[in-house]
Amino acid sequence: MGSNQRGNESEARFVLEAFRRGWEVCKPFSHSEPYDFLVRRERGRHWETVQVKTAFPVKGRMQVKLQRGKGRYRIGDFDLLFVVAAADSYLIPWSAVKHIRCNFSVETLPAFRL
């Protein structure tokens, strides 16, 4: 499976998880945004931006590459990070990953597992 197909599968898993939880989901038409989806987790609340990533096994741990193209994500690029790691998924607020420069292991953030 290629990286585009894995990315599409991870995005589909996010949408499925969001629908299961009763969240509203919107997908921007442009691929130039630093996020993949808009989500509203409660009616009447504000929309949040979501970036979806797929974790890959590296030395026995599931690693996430937290980069946008050749650069880093910046404050305001997204509110929530949804990570698919094999059978698990994680919803991580920006505040938990804003200090990360490049890669991280999802096992270090078990509190955000869905």
Protein backbone atom coordinates (compact mmCIF):
# COMPACT_ATOMS: atom_id res chain seq x y z
CA MET A 1 0.00 0.00 0.00
CA GLY A 2 1.40 3.40 -0.97
CA SER A 3 1.61 6.44 1.29
CA ASN A 4 -1.33 8.19 -0.44
CA GLN A 5 -3.52 5.15 0.07
CA ARG A 6 -2.50 4.90 3.75
CA GLY A 7 -3.27 8.60 4.17
CA ASN A 8 -6.69 8.17 2.56
CA GLU A 9 -7.41 5.21 4.82
CA SER A 10 -6.44 7.23 7.90
CA GLU A 11 -8.69 10.09 6.82
CA ALA A 12 -11.57 7.64 6.34
CA ARG A 13 -10.95 6.27 9.84
CA PHE A 14 -11.13 9.80 11.23
CA VAL A 15 -14.46 10.45 9.52
CA LEU A 16 -15.85 7.13 10.78
CA GLU A 17 -14.72 7.90 14.35
CA ALA A 18 -16.18 11.40 14.16
CA PHE A 19 -19.54 10.10 12.90
CA ARG A 20 -19.62 7.46 15.63
CA ARG A 21 -19.23 10.24 18.18
CA GLY A 22 -21.90 12.42 16.55
CA TRP A 23 -19.50 15.15 15.46
CA GLU A 24 -20.05 17.32 12.38
CA VAL A 25 -17.26 17.04 9.79
CA CYS A 26 -16.29 19.22 6.83
CA LYS A 27 -13.52 18.63 4.30
CA PRO A 28 -11.92 21.65 2.59
CA PHE A 29 -11.68 21.47 -1.20
CA SER A 30 -8.16 22.87 -1.22
CA HIS A 31 -5.08 20.83 -0.33
CA SER A 32 -3.14 23.99 0.50
CA GLU A 33 -4.47 24.24 4.05
CA PRO A 34 -2.33 22.93 6.93
CA TYR A 35 -5.26 20.81 8.14
CA ASP A 36 -7.37 18.03 6.64
CA PHE A 37 -10.79 18.55 8.25
CA LEU A 38 -12.99 20.88 10.23
CA VAL A 39 -14.90 19.27 13.07
CA ARG A 40 -17.53 20.50 15.49
CA ARG A 41 -17.75 18.19 18.47
CA GLU A 42 -20.84 19.85 19.99
CA ARG A 43 -23.68 21.78 18.38
CA GLY A 44 -23.33 25.48 18.95
CA ARG A 45 -19.59 25.23 19.63
CA HIS A 46 -16.86 26.51 17.36
CA TRP A 47 -15.26 24.53 14.54
CA GLU A 48 -11.84 22.99 15.18
CA THR A 49 -9.22 22.12 12.58
CA VAL A 50 -7.91 18.54 12.42
CA GLN A 51 -4.70 17.24 10.86
CA VAL A 52 -4.68 13.47 10.19
CA LYS A 53 -1.44 11.47 10.29
CA THR A 54 -0.54 7.81 9.94
CA ALA A 55 2.03 6.33 12.34
CA PHE A 56 4.68 3.91 11.07
CA PRO A 57 6.66 1.25 12.96
CA VAL A 58 10.24 2.32 13.68
CA LYS A 59 12.39 0.21 16.01
CA GLY A 60 9.35 -1.37 17.64
CA ARG A 61 7.47 1.88 18.25
CA MET A 62 4.77 3.67 16.25
CA GLN A 63 6.29 6.93 15.01
CA VAL A 64 4.52 9.99 13.62
CA LYS A 65 6.29 12.37 11.25
CA LEU A 66 5.01 15.78 12.31
CA GLN A 67 6.07 17.89 9.36
CA ARG A 68 4.21 19.81 6.68
CA GLY A 69 5.96 19.30 3.37
CA LYS A 70 9.50 20.45 4.06
CA GLY A 71 8.60 22.64 7.00
CA ARG A 72 7.19 22.41 10.51
CA TYR A 73 3.65 23.02 11.61
CA ARG A 74 3.17 26.35 13.34
CA ILE A 75 0.80 27.60 16.02
CA GLY A 76 -2.62 27.96 14.42
CA ASP A 77 -2.07 25.39 11.68
CA PHE A 78 -4.42 22.92 13.39
CA ASP A 79 -6.24 22.45 16.70
CA LEU A 80 -6.30 18.64 16.89
CA LEU A 81 -4.06 15.89 15.58
CA PHE A 82 -5.74 12.57 14.74
CA VAL A 83 -3.21 9.75 14.51
CA VAL A 84 -3.87 6.25 13.20
CA ALA A 85 -1.39 3.72 14.59
CA ALA A 86 -2.26 0.19 13.41
CA ALA A 87 -5.52 -0.73 15.21
CA ASP A 88 -5.37 2.28 17.55
CA SER A 89 -6.24 5.91 17.02
CA TYR A 90 -5.40 9.03 19.01
CA LEU A 91 -6.89 12.52 19.19
CA ILE A 92 -4.20 14.88 20.42
CA PRO A 93 -4.60 18.62 21.07
CA TRP A 94 -2.08 21.00 19.52
CA SER A 95 -0.83 21.94 22.99
CA ALA A 96 0.51 18.37 23.47
CA VAL A 97 2.57 18.38 20.25
CA LYS A 98 3.48 22.04 19.68
CA HIS A 99 6.97 21.53 21.10
CA ILE A 100 7.79 18.59 18.79
CA ARG A 101 10.23 19.39 16.00
CA CYS A 102 9.87 16.37 13.73
CA ASN A 103 8.91 12.88 14.91
CA PHE A 104 7.33 11.41 18.04
CA SER A 105 6.18 8.06 19.33
CA VAL A 106 2.44 7.72 19.99
CA GLU A 107 3.17 5.37 22.88
CA THR A 108 4.41 8.40 24.83
CA LEU A 109 0.89 9.91 24.69
CA PRO A 110 -1.44 7.07 25.83
CA ALA A 111 -3.89 9.47 27.49
CA PHE A 112 -5.09 10.61 24.07
CA ARG A 113 -5.96 7.14 22.77
CA LEU A 114 -9.55 6.84 21.53
